[in-house]
Amino acid sequence: MKLKKTMLVLSALAVMLVFISKCHSYQGAKETVAIDGIDRTYIVYQGALRDKNRAVPLLIVLHGGGGNGSRMQKACGFDAIANREGFVTAYPDALKKNWNDKRGDMKSYAHKNNIDDVKFLCAMIKAITAKYNIDKSRIYMAGVSNGGMMTHLFAIKKGGMLAAAAALITSIPETQKNEIPVKALPFLMMNGTKDMLVKWEGGAVAFNRGSVISARDSVKFWAENNKCAKTPVITKIADKDPADGATVKKEVYAAAGGSSSEVVFYEIEGGGHTWPGIKFGALYRWFITKDGEGGNTCMDINASDEIWEFFKYKKI
């Protein structure tokens, strides 16, 4: 009976996603780049009012496991900010909907086939900067869940290409905890204390899809590698929506020596595996949190706005 209920929910979810994809076509250009004999795809969006004679920032946004660039573009709201602020956005697609973030998820095609997603993202960045008049000193990357783990991996391996990075509802893969990042990189994280998929305390990702270190150890990883202050400046964000079941504490670990490589951490007390500021329906909450436990979406902040405010003045 339980299996039948689960299959019904999965079927409903699939129908819903197909419906969304058919009712909303993406805006922007669908681009490809060949990597190891495979055409990899991504969407590039630039607002109609953008001055194409001026080099502008690039924001790369990585979708979570089971998603794609088009759905990420529709959900996160970064294009509206790009229109207002005058930057370009890019939404790459993982192969078979999962990134090879090196966490040991042998249920995914990318892990089983050792897909080099770092190589893909490097090539995509080079292709976009060559075609779209991008300010190479202002390239940013943000990822959610599996895309957030991929952001951690890319920042560790190829952070010299980025001015800053952000990872939401995710932590650093256990396999990367002893790596040394190629450079000190400004980093922002947001984690929910009631996340049932990528748990606050770390360990096995839900459904035995690899393992991660804890949220706190992930913050410590970047703060120590960036040589930030050990004691953060803590701000409690106003509880604008008491009904959402979540509150926010913001921690800022100041960069040493006047550099810009600070680490900012949003602890979402009571928050689940959700994007702050965006409400998803009951079906998503049930599927993600097993009957709704720990699936609160914090509405006190908008994650996209917070990320861009963190990024916008950072330069290599």
C-alpha atoms as a PDB file:
ATOM      1  CA  MET A   1       0.000   0.000   0.000  1.00  0.00           C
ATOM      2  CA  LYS A   2       2.825   2.356   0.914  1.00  0.00           C
ATOM      3  CA  LEU A   3       4.639   1.558  -2.356  1.00  0.00           C
ATOM      4  CA  LYS A   4       1.442   2.184  -4.321  1.00  0.00           C
ATOM      5  CA  LYS A   5       0.989   5.553  -2.627  1.00  0.00           C
ATOM      6  CA  THR A   6       4.582   6.505  -3.407  1.00  0.00           C
ATOM      7  CA  MET A   7       4.201   5.543  -7.078  1.00  0.00           C
ATOM      8  CA  LEU A   8       1.026   7.600  -7.346  1.00  0.00           C
ATOM      9  CA  VAL A   9       2.821  10.632  -5.943  1.00  0.00           C
ATOM     10  CA  LEU A  10       5.780  10.164  -8.269  1.00  0.00           C
ATOM     11  CA  SER A  11       3.425   9.860 -11.237  1.00  0.00           C
ATOM     12  CA  ALA A  12       1.595  13.017 -10.203  1.00  0.00           C
ATOM     13  CA  LEU A  13       4.896  14.836  -9.810  1.00  0.00           C
ATOM     14  CA  ALA A  14       6.023  13.761 -13.283  1.00  0.00           C
ATOM     15  CA  VAL A  15       2.740  14.935 -14.827  1.00  0.00           C
ATOM     16  CA  MET A  16       3.003  18.255 -13.016  1.00  0.00           C
ATOM     17  CA  LEU A  17       6.565  18.851 -14.258  1.00  0.00           C
ATOM     18  CA  VAL A  18       5.630  17.989 -17.839  1.00  0.00           C
ATOM     19  CA  PHE A  19       2.655  20.358 -17.598  1.00  0.00           C
ATOM     20  CA  ILE A  20       4.873  23.164 -16.319  1.00  0.00           C
ATOM     21  CA  SER A  21       7.472  22.627 -19.025  1.00  0.00           C
ATOM     22  CA  LYS A  22       4.822  22.692 -21.782  1.00  0.00           C
ATOM     23  CA  CYS A  23       3.049  25.763 -20.438  1.00  0.00           C
ATOM     24  CA  HIS A  24       6.172  27.871 -19.960  1.00  0.00           C
ATOM     25  CA  SER A  25       8.833  27.988 -22.646  1.00  0.00           C
ATOM     26  CA  TYR A  26      12.210  29.298 -21.551  1.00  0.00           C
ATOM     27  CA  GLN A  27      13.425  32.749 -22.488  1.00  0.00           C
ATOM     28  CA  GLY A  28      16.902  33.205 -23.819  1.00  0.00           C
ATOM     29  CA  ALA A  29      19.175  31.247 -26.122  1.00  0.00           C
ATOM     30  CA  LYS A  30      19.644  27.481 -25.964  1.00  0.00           C
ATOM     31  CA  GLU A  31      23.364  26.863 -26.458  1.00  0.00           C
ATOM     32  CA  THR A  32      25.542  23.763 -26.713  1.00  0.00           C
ATOM     33  CA  VAL A  33      29.174  22.898 -26.160  1.00  0.00           C
ATOM     34  CA  ALA A  34      30.755  19.528 -26.982  1.00  0.00           C
ATOM     35  CA  ILE A  35      32.504  17.800 -24.064  1.00  0.00           C
ATOM     36  CA  ASP A  36      34.129  14.386 -24.514  1.00  0.00           C
ATOM     37  CA  GLY A  37      31.972  13.734 -27.575  1.00  0.00           C
ATOM     38  CA  ILE A  38      28.705  14.745 -25.870  1.00  0.00           C
ATOM     39  CA  ASP A  39      26.741  17.900 -26.682  1.00  0.00           C
ATOM     40  CA  ARG A  40      26.079  19.631 -23.375  1.00  0.00           C
ATOM     41  CA  THR A  41      23.288  22.185 -23.199  1.00  0.00           C
ATOM     42  CA  TYR A  42      22.596  25.410 -21.335  1.00  0.00           C
ATOM     43  CA  ILE A  43      20.341  28.472 -21.512  1.00  0.00           C
ATOM     44  CA  VAL A  44      21.743  32.005 -21.639  1.00  0.00           C
ATOM     45  CA  TYR A  45      19.440  34.908 -20.798  1.00  0.00           C
ATOM     46  CA  GLN A  46      20.058  38.615 -21.263  1.00  0.00           C
ATOM     47  CA  GLY A  47      17.409  41.255 -20.833  1.00  0.00           C
ATOM     48  CA  ALA A  48      16.155  43.136 -23.877  1.00  0.00           C
ATOM     49  CA  LEU A  49      17.324  46.458 -22.414  1.00  0.00           C
ATOM     50  CA  ARG A  50      20.873  45.325 -21.686  1.00  0.00           C
ATOM     51  CA  ASP A  51      23.624  47.497 -23.223  1.00  0.00           C
ATOM     52  CA  LYS A  52      25.484  44.886 -25.253  1.00  0.00           C
ATOM     53  CA  ASN A  53      28.415  47.238 -25.796  1.00  0.00           C
ATOM     54  CA  ARG A  54      29.234  47.092 -22.086  1.00  0.00           C
ATOM     55  CA  ALA A  55      30.820  44.081 -20.389  1.00  0.00           C
ATOM     56  CA  VAL A  56      28.491  42.831 -17.647  1.00  0.00           C
ATOM     57  CA  PRO A  57      28.547  40.183 -14.907  1.00  0.00           C
ATOM     58  CA  LEU A  58      27.569  36.536 -15.496  1.00  0.00           C
ATOM     59  CA  LEU A  59      25.565  34.517 -12.965  1.00  0.00           C
ATOM     60  CA  ILE A  60      25.579  30.730 -13.449  1.00  0.00           C
ATOM     61  CA  VAL A  61      22.774  28.877 -11.663  1.00  0.00           C
ATOM     62  CA  LEU A  62      22.949  25.097 -11.122  1.00  0.00           C
ATOM     63  CA  HIS A  63      19.717  23.141 -10.688  1.00  0.00           C
ATOM     64  CA  GLY A  64      19.182  20.413  -8.118  1.00  0.00           C
ATOM     65  CA  GLY A  65      19.044  16.671  -8.715  1.00  0.00           C
ATOM     66  CA  GLY A  66      16.162  15.612 -10.950  1.00  0.00           C
ATOM     67  CA  GLY A  67      15.827  19.093 -12.447  1.00  0.00           C
ATOM     68  CA  ASN A  68      17.128  20.962 -15.463  1.00  0.00           C
ATOM     69  CA  GLY A  69      18.193  24.462 -16.418  1.00  0.00           C
ATOM     70  CA  SER A  70      14.816  25.491 -17.810  1.00  0.00           C
ATOM     71  CA  ARG A  71      12.908  24.651 -14.634  1.00  0.00           C
ATOM     72  CA  MET A  72      15.592  26.296 -12.517  1.00  0.00           C
ATOM     73  CA  GLN A  73      15.288  29.448 -14.603  1.00  0.00           C
ATOM     74  CA  LYS A  74      11.528  29.586 -14.027  1.00  0.00           C
ATOM     75  CA  ALA A  75      11.708  28.892 -10.311  1.00  0.00           C
ATOM     76  CA  CYS A  76      14.491  31.045  -8.900  1.00  0.00           C
ATOM     77  CA  GLY A  77      13.617  34.532 -10.134  1.00  0.00           C
ATOM     78  CA  PHE A  78      17.144  35.561 -11.063  1.00  0.00           C
ATOM     79  CA  ASP A  79      16.127  36.810 -14.534  1.00  0.00           C
ATOM     80  CA  ALA A  80      13.969  39.554 -13.015  1.00  0.00           C
ATOM     81  CA  ILE A  81      16.982  40.687 -10.992  1.00  0.00           C
ATOM     82  CA  ALA A  82      19.173  40.460 -14.103  1.00  0.00           C
ATOM     83  CA  ASN A  83      16.759  42.736 -15.966  1.00  0.00           C
ATOM     84  CA  ARG A  84      16.939  45.260 -13.162  1.00  0.00           C
ATOM     85  CA  GLU A  85      20.677  45.049 -12.501  1.00  0.00           C
ATOM     86  CA  GLY A  86      21.933  44.434 -16.041  1.00  0.00           C
ATOM     87  CA  PHE A  87      23.728  41.090 -15.902  1.00  0.00           C
ATOM     88  CA  VAL A  88      23.553  37.823 -17.867  1.00  0.00           C
ATOM     89  CA  THR A  89      22.273  34.533 -16.437  1.00  0.00           C
ATOM     90  CA  ALA A  90      23.137  30.985 -17.494  1.00  0.00           C
ATOM     91  CA  TYR A  91      21.317  27.753 -16.611  1.00  0.00           C
ATOM     92  CA  PRO A  92      23.255  24.600 -17.556  1.00  0.00           C
ATOM     93  CA  ASP A  93      21.751  21.103 -17.766  1.00  0.00           C
ATOM     94  CA  ALA A  94      23.249  18.120 -15.978  1.00  0.00           C
ATOM     95  CA  LEU A  95      23.305  14.857 -17.918  1.00  0.00           C
ATOM     96  CA  LYS A  96      20.325  12.703 -16.942  1.00  0.00           C
ATOM     97  CA  LYS A  97      19.398  15.464 -14.438  1.00  0.00           C
ATOM     98  CA  ASN A  98      22.199  14.891 -11.889  1.00  0.00           C
ATOM     99  CA  TRP A  99      25.618  16.527 -11.472  1.00  0.00           C
ATOM    100  CA  ASN A 100      28.756  14.544 -10.748  1.00  0.00           C
ATOM    101  CA  ASP A 101      29.592  16.384  -7.545  1.00  0.00           C
ATOM    102  CA  LYS A 102      31.894  13.525  -6.404  1.00  0.00           C
ATOM    103  CA  ARG A 103      29.805  12.631  -3.356  1.00  0.00           C
ATOM    104  CA  GLY A 104      29.548   8.971  -4.314  1.00  0.00           C
ATOM    105  CA  ASP A 105      25.965   8.853  -5.601  1.00  0.00           C
ATOM    106  CA  MET A 106      26.243   5.655  -7.637  1.00  0.00           C
ATOM    107  CA  LYS A 107      22.534   5.755  -8.448  1.00  0.00           C
ATOM    108  CA  SER A 108      23.080   8.658 -10.847  1.00  0.00           C
ATOM    109  CA  TYR A 109      24.252   8.426 -14.461  1.00  0.00           C
ATOM    110  CA  ALA A 110      26.826  11.185 -13.968  1.00  0.00           C
ATOM    111  CA  HIS A 111      28.566   9.392 -11.104  1.00  0.00           C
ATOM    112  CA  LYS A 112      28.405   5.919 -12.632  1.00  0.00           C
ATOM    113  CA  ASN A 113      29.900   7.203 -15.887  1.00  0.00           C
ATOM    114  CA  ASN A 114      32.366   9.614 -14.243  1.00  0.00           C
ATOM    115  CA  ILE A 115      31.006  12.589 -16.205  1.00  0.00           C
ATOM    116  CA  ASP A 116      33.390  15.540 -15.957  1.00  0.00           C
ATOM    117  CA  ASP A 117      30.999  18.350 -15.049  1.00  0.00           C
ATOM    118  CA  VAL A 118      33.846  20.601 -13.922  1.00  0.00           C
ATOM    119  CA  LYS A 119      35.216  20.421 -17.465  1.00  0.00           C
ATOM    120  CA  PHE A 120      31.758  21.167 -18.884  1.00  0.00           C
ATOM    121  CA  LEU A 121      31.231  24.227 -16.696  1.00  0.00           C
ATOM    122  CA  CYS A 122      34.698  25.571 -17.540  1.00  0.00           C
ATOM    123  CA  ALA A 123      34.000  25.197 -21.268  1.00  0.00           C
ATOM    124  CA  MET A 124      30.562  26.773 -20.908  1.00  0.00           C
ATOM    125  CA  ILE A 125      32.003  29.799 -19.103  1.00  0.00           C
ATOM    126  CA  LYS A 126      34.624  30.270 -21.817  1.00  0.00           C
ATOM    127  CA  ALA A 127      31.985  30.004 -24.554  1.00  0.00           C
ATOM    128  CA  ILE A 128      29.648  32.496 -22.889  1.00  0.00           C
ATOM    129  CA  THR A 129      32.382  35.036 -22.156  1.00  0.00           C
ATOM    130  CA  ALA A 130      33.533  34.856 -25.776  1.00  0.00           C
ATOM    131  CA  LYS A 131      30.035  35.435 -27.193  1.00  0.00           C
ATOM    132  CA  TYR A 132      28.181  37.689 -24.751  1.00  0.00           C
ATOM    133  CA  ASN A 133      30.610  40.456 -23.715  1.00  0.00           C
ATOM    134  CA  ILE A 134      31.034  39.318 -20.107  1.00  0.00           C
ATOM    135  CA  ASP A 135      33.135  41.026 -17.445  1.00  0.00           C
ATOM    136  CA  LYS A 136      35.496  38.142 -16.590  1.00  0.00           C
ATOM    137  CA  SER A 137      36.230  39.661 -13.198  1.00  0.00           C
ATOM    138  CA  ARG A 138      32.549  39.303 -12.210  1.00  0.00           C
ATOM    139  CA  ILE A 139      31.518  35.699 -12.837  1.00  0.00           C
ATOM    140  CA  TYR A 140      29.409  34.104 -10.097  1.00  0.00           C
ATOM    141  CA  MET A 141      27.982  30.653  -9.448  1.00  0.00           C
ATOM    142  CA  ALA A 142      25.003  29.625  -7.315  1.00  0.00           C
ATOM    143  CA  GLY A 143      23.602  26.119  -6.888  1.00  0.00           C
ATOM    144  CA  VAL A 144      20.837  24.366  -4.984  1.00  0.00           C
ATOM    145  CA  SER A 145      20.961  20.861  -3.459  1.00  0.00           C
ATOM    146  CA  ASN A 146      22.900  18.638  -5.939  1.00  0.00           C
ATOM    147  CA  GLY A 147      23.721  21.853  -7.827  1.00  0.00           C
ATOM    148  CA  GLY A 148      25.001  23.333  -4.574  1.00  0.00           C
ATOM    149  CA  MET A 149      27.339  20.377  -4.048  1.00  0.00           C
ATOM    150  CA  MET A 150      28.527  20.882  -7.622  1.00  0.00           C
ATOM    151  CA  THR A 151      29.113  24.550  -6.795  1.00  0.00           C
ATOM    152  CA  HIS A 152      31.241  23.551  -3.793  1.00  0.00           C
ATOM    153  CA  LEU A 153      33.254  21.180  -6.006  1.00  0.00           C
ATOM    154  CA  PHE A 154      33.724  23.746  -8.779  1.00  0.00           C
ATOM    155  CA  ALA A 155      34.735  26.433  -6.276  1.00  0.00           C
ATOM    156  CA  ILE A 156      37.327  24.096  -4.749  1.00  0.00           C
ATOM    157  CA  LYS A 157      38.772  23.003  -8.105  1.00  0.00           C
ATOM    158  CA  LYS A 158      38.261  26.054 -10.343  1.00  0.00           C
ATOM    159  CA  GLY A 159      37.463  28.918  -7.985  1.00  0.00           C
ATOM    160  CA  GLY A 160      39.977  31.116  -9.822  1.00  0.00           C
ATOM    161  CA  MET A 161      37.348  31.572 -12.547  1.00  0.00           C
ATOM    162  CA  LEU A 162      34.802  32.945 -10.055  1.00  0.00           C
ATOM    163  CA  ALA A 163      34.428  36.150  -8.075  1.00  0.00           C
ATOM    164  CA  ALA A 164      32.062  34.512  -5.542  1.00  0.00           C
ATOM    165  CA  ALA A 165      29.850  31.464  -5.050  1.00  0.00           C
ATOM    166  CA  ALA A 166      26.709  30.412  -3.170  1.00  0.00           C
ATOM    167  CA  ALA A 167      25.264  27.017  -2.203  1.00  0.00           C
ATOM    168  CA  LEU A 168      21.734  26.449  -0.855  1.00  0.00           C
ATOM    169  CA  ILE A 169      20.260  23.540   1.140  1.00  0.00           C
ATOM    170  CA  THR A 170      23.397  21.484   0.659  1.00  0.00           C
ATOM    171  CA  SER A 171      26.777  20.732   2.206  1.00  0.00           C
ATOM    172  CA  ILE A 172      30.257  19.752   1.064  1.00  0.00           C
ATOM    173  CA  PRO A 173      30.583  16.132  -0.108  1.00  0.00           C
ATOM    174  CA  GLU A 174      32.443  13.932   2.372  1.00  0.00           C
ATOM    175  CA  THR A 175      34.996  13.145  -0.359  1.00  0.00           C
ATOM    176  CA  GLN A 176      36.012  16.817  -0.597  1.00  0.00           C
ATOM    177  CA  LYS A 177      36.396  17.694   3.082  1.00  0.00           C
ATOM    178  CA  ASN A 178      40.207  17.545   3.042  1.00  0.00           C
ATOM    179  CA  GLU A 179      40.677  19.328  -0.289  1.00  0.00           C
ATOM    180  CA  ILE A 180      42.405  22.712  -0.435  1.00  0.00           C
ATOM    181  CA  PRO A 181      40.575  25.271  -2.612  1.00  0.00           C
ATOM    182  CA  VAL A 182      42.638  26.826  -5.384  1.00  0.00           C
ATOM    183  CA  LYS A 183      41.981  30.275  -3.893  1.00  0.00           C
ATOM    184  CA  ALA A 184      40.148  32.101  -1.140  1.00  0.00           C
ATOM    185  CA  LEU A 185      36.676  32.681  -2.529  1.00  0.00           C
ATOM    186  CA  PRO A 186      33.783  34.691  -1.076  1.00  0.00           C
ATOM    187  CA  PHE A 187      31.129  32.110  -0.227  1.00  0.00           C
ATOM    188  CA  LEU A 188      27.488  32.207   0.887  1.00  0.00           C
ATOM    189  CA  MET A 189      25.515  29.273   2.302  1.00  0.00           C
ATOM    190  CA  MET A 190      21.901  28.743   3.383  1.00  0.00           C
ATOM    191  CA  ASN A 191      20.847  25.599   5.246  1.00  0.00           C
ATOM    192  CA  GLY A 192      17.637  24.533   6.959  1.00  0.00           C
ATOM    193  CA  THR A 193      17.918  22.837  10.325  1.00  0.00           C
ATOM    194  CA  LYS A 194      14.995  20.523   9.459  1.00  0.00           C
ATOM    195  CA  ASP A 195      16.217  19.515   6.005  1.00  0.00           C
ATOM    196  CA  MET A 196      15.327  15.826   5.583  1.00  0.00           C
ATOM    197  CA  LEU A 197      17.312  15.269   2.358  1.00  0.00           C
ATOM    198  CA  VAL A 198      20.674  16.939   2.988  1.00  0.00           C
ATOM    199  CA  LYS A 199      20.638  16.803   6.743  1.00  0.00           C
ATOM    200  CA  TRP A 200      21.928  19.633   8.918  1.00  0.00           C
ATOM    201  CA  GLU A 201      24.200  17.245  10.818  1.00  0.00           C
ATOM    202  CA  GLY A 202      25.590  15.693   7.615  1.00  0.00           C
ATOM    203  CA  GLY A 203      25.955  12.001   6.859  1.00  0.00           C
ATOM    204  CA  ALA A 204      24.110  10.002   4.216  1.00  0.00           C
ATOM    205  CA  VAL A 205      22.027  11.978   1.745  1.00  0.00           C
ATOM    206  CA  ALA A 206      18.417  10.720   1.612  1.00  0.00           C
ATOM    207  CA  PHE A 207      17.849   7.498  -0.329  1.00  0.00           C
ATOM    208  CA  ASN A 208      21.541   6.567   0.189  1.00  0.00           C
ATOM    209  CA  ARG A 209      22.806   8.929  -2.487  1.00  0.00           C
ATOM    210  CA  GLY A 210      26.289   9.639  -1.165  1.00  0.00           C
ATOM    211  CA  SER A 211      27.317  11.504   1.968  1.00  0.00           C
ATOM    212  CA  VAL A 212      28.180  15.028   3.082  1.00  0.00           C
ATOM    213  CA  ILE A 213      29.747  16.766   6.042  1.00  0.00           C
ATOM    214  CA  SER A 214      27.553  18.886   8.310  1.00  0.00           C
ATOM    215  CA  ALA A 215      26.324  22.380   7.500  1.00  0.00           C
ATOM    216  CA  ARG A 216      28.473  23.793  10.302  1.00  0.00           C
ATOM    217  CA  ASP A 217      31.586  21.948   9.086  1.00  0.00           C
ATOM    218  CA  SER A 218      30.931  23.212   5.555  1.00  0.00           C
ATOM    219  CA  VAL A 219      30.898  26.806   6.790  1.00  0.00           C
ATOM    220  CA  LYS A 220      34.034  26.114   8.806  1.00  0.00           C
ATOM    221  CA  PHE A 221      35.714  24.671   5.690  1.00  0.00           C
ATOM    222  CA  TRP A 222      35.369  27.925   3.741  1.00  0.00           C
ATOM    223  CA  ALA A 223      35.975  30.226   6.713  1.00  0.00           C
ATOM    224  CA  GLU A 224      39.230  28.455   7.590  1.00  0.00           C
ATOM    225  CA  ASN A 225      40.461  28.187   4.008  1.00  0.00           C
ATOM    226  CA  ASN A 226      39.638  31.863   3.443  1.00  0.00           C
ATOM    227  CA  LYS A 227      41.402  32.718   6.734  1.00  0.00           C
ATOM    228  CA  CYS A 228      38.313  34.527   7.981  1.00  0.00           C
ATOM    229  CA  ALA A 229      37.666  35.710  11.505  1.00  0.00           C
ATOM    230  CA  LYS A 230      36.807  32.762  13.752  1.00  0.00           C
ATOM    231  CA  THR A 231      33.950  34.570  15.462  1.00  0.00           C
ATOM    232  CA  PRO A 232      31.132  35.729  13.186  1.00  0.00           C
ATOM    233  CA  VAL A 233      29.021  38.839  13.414  1.00  0.00           C
ATOM    234  CA  ILE A 234      25.505  37.505  14.013  1.00  0.00           C
ATOM    235  CA  THR A 235      22.264  39.207  13.002  1.00  0.00           C
ATOM    236  CA  LYS A 236      18.769  37.874  13.666  1.00  0.00           C
ATOM    237  CA  ILE A 237      16.539  38.604  10.694  1.00  0.00           C
ATOM    238  CA  ALA A 238      13.068  39.931  11.467  1.00  0.00           C
ATOM    239  CA  ASP A 239      10.415  37.192  11.522  1.00  0.00           C
ATOM    240  CA  LYS A 240       8.233  38.747   8.830  1.00  0.00           C
ATOM    241  CA  ASP A 241       6.092  35.639   8.405  1.00  0.00           C
ATOM    242  CA  PRO A 242       5.544  33.873  11.752  1.00  0.00           C
ATOM    243  CA  ALA A 243       3.259  31.355  10.040  1.00  0.00           C
ATOM    244  CA  ASP A 244       6.072  29.918   7.904  1.00  0.00           C
ATOM    245  CA  GLY A 245       7.545  27.913  10.794  1.00  0.00           C
ATOM    246  CA  ALA A 246      11.071  29.207  10.190  1.00  0.00           C
ATOM    247  CA  THR A 247      13.350  32.003  11.366  1.00  0.00           C
ATOM    248  CA  VAL A 248      16.712  33.232  10.084  1.00  0.00           C
ATOM    249  CA  LYS A 249      20.041  33.935  11.720  1.00  0.00           C
ATOM    250  CA  LYS A 250      22.723  35.499   9.503  1.00  0.00           C
ATOM    251  CA  GLU A 251      26.399  34.970  10.325  1.00  0.00           C
ATOM    252  CA  VAL A 252      29.186  36.942   8.663  1.00  0.00           C
ATOM    253  CA  TYR A 253      32.752  35.676   8.959  1.00  0.00           C
ATOM    254  CA  ALA A 254      34.882  38.692   8.079  1.00  0.00           C
ATOM    255  CA  ALA A 255      37.722  38.271   5.619  1.00  0.00           C
ATOM    256  CA  ALA A 256      41.252  38.816   6.834  1.00  0.00           C
ATOM    257  CA  GLY A 257      43.547  41.593   5.736  1.00  0.00           C
ATOM    258  CA  GLY A 258      40.916  43.701   4.038  1.00  0.00           C
ATOM    259  CA  SER A 259      40.182  41.098   1.336  1.00  0.00           C
ATOM    260  CA  SER A 260      36.643  40.455   0.092  1.00  0.00           C
ATOM    261  CA  SER A 261      36.709  36.712   0.783  1.00  0.00           C
ATOM    262  CA  GLU A 262      34.140  36.750   3.553  1.00  0.00           C
ATOM    263  CA  VAL A 263      31.877  33.806   4.332  1.00  0.00           C
ATOM    264  CA  VAL A 264      28.176  34.434   4.957  1.00  0.00           C
ATOM    265  CA  PHE A 265      25.909  31.771   6.448  1.00  0.00           C
ATOM    266  CA  TYR A 266      22.130  31.836   6.801  1.00  0.00           C
ATOM    267  CA  GLU A 267      20.911  29.365   9.403  1.00  0.00           C
ATOM    268  CA  ILE A 268      17.251  28.725   8.626  1.00  0.00           C
ATOM    269  CA  GLU A 269      15.883  27.468  11.945  1.00  0.00           C
ATOM    270  CA  GLY A 270      12.990  25.134  11.164  1.00  0.00           C
ATOM    271  CA  GLY A 271      13.611  25.370   7.423  1.00  0.00           C
ATOM    272  CA  GLY A 272      13.454  22.348   5.143  1.00  0.00           C
ATOM    273  CA  HIS A 273      14.790  21.399   1.719  1.00  0.00           C
ATOM    274  CA  THR A 274      13.332  24.498   0.109  1.00  0.00           C
ATOM    275  CA  TRP A 275      14.403  27.788  -1.506  1.00  0.00           C
ATOM    276  CA  PRO A 276      13.706  30.658   0.922  1.00  0.00           C
ATOM    277  CA  GLY A 277      11.199  33.094  -0.493  1.00  0.00           C
ATOM    278  CA  ILE A 278       9.565  30.676  -2.944  1.00  0.00           C
ATOM    279  CA  LYS A 279       6.557  28.617  -1.921  1.00  0.00           C
ATOM    280  CA  PHE A 280       6.048  25.256  -3.548  1.00  0.00           C
ATOM    281  CA  GLY A 281       2.847  23.220  -3.378  1.00  0.00           C
ATOM    282  CA  ALA A 282       1.770  20.469  -1.010  1.00  0.00           C
ATOM    283  CA  LEU A 283       2.836  17.727  -3.446  1.00  0.00           C
ATOM    284  CA  TYR A 284       6.433  18.922  -3.411  1.00  0.00           C
ATOM    285  CA  ARG A 285       6.444  19.178   0.373  1.00  0.00           C
ATOM    286  CA  TRP A 286       5.065  15.658   0.738  1.00  0.00           C
ATOM    287  CA  PHE A 287       7.525  14.163  -1.732  1.00  0.00           C
ATOM    288  CA  ILE A 288      10.579  15.950  -0.346  1.00  0.00           C
ATOM    289  CA  THR A 289       9.853  15.540   3.358  1.00  0.00           C
ATOM    290  CA  LYS A 290       7.850  12.327   3.689  1.00  0.00           C
ATOM    291  CA  ASP A 291       4.420  13.612   4.708  1.00  0.00           C
ATOM    292  CA  GLY A 292       5.529  17.176   5.410  1.00  0.00           C
ATOM    293  CA  GLU A 293       7.985  16.843   8.295  1.00  0.00           C
ATOM    294  CA  GLY A 294      10.676  19.502   8.133  1.00  0.00           C
ATOM    295  CA  GLY A 295       9.455  21.000   4.889  1.00  0.00           C
ATOM    296  CA  ASN A 296       8.987  24.582   6.017  1.00  0.00           C
ATOM    297  CA  THR A 297       9.797  27.290   3.492  1.00  0.00           C
ATOM    298  CA  CYS A 298      11.195  30.428   5.092  1.00  0.00           C
ATOM    299  CA  MET A 299       9.471  33.543   3.750  1.00  0.00           C
ATOM    300  CA  ASP A 300      11.402  36.066   5.863  1.00  0.00           C
ATOM    301  CA  ILE A 301      14.007  36.486   3.116  1.00  0.00           C
ATOM    302  CA  ASN A 302      14.211  35.938  -0.623  1.00  0.00           C
ATOM    303  CA  ALA A 303      17.251  33.780  -1.340  1.00  0.00           C
ATOM    304  CA  SER A 304      17.769  35.170  -4.848  1.00  0.00           C
ATOM    305  CA  ASP A 305      17.853  38.772  -3.609  1.00  0.00           C
ATOM    306  CA  GLU A 306      20.240  37.883  -0.781  1.00  0.00           C
ATOM    307  CA  ILE A 307      22.570  36.026  -3.142  1.00  0.00           C
ATOM    308  CA  TRP A 308      22.750  38.868  -5.643  1.00  0.00           C
ATOM    309  CA  GLU A 309      23.372  41.456  -2.905  1.00  0.00           C
ATOM    310  CA  PHE A 310      26.276  39.278  -1.745  1.00  0.00           C
ATOM    311  CA  PHE A 311      27.633  38.877  -5.284  1.00  0.00           C
ATOM    312  CA  LYS A 312      27.111  42.241  -6.939  1.00  0.00           C
ATOM    313  CA  TYR A 313      30.238  44.126  -5.806  1.00  0.00           C
ATOM    314  CA  LYS A 314      32.605  41.141  -5.678  1.00  0.00           C
ATOM    315  CA  LYS A 315      35.405  41.014  -8.240  1.00  0.00           C
ATOM    316  CA  ILE A 316      38.327  38.744  -8.939  1.00  0.00           C
END
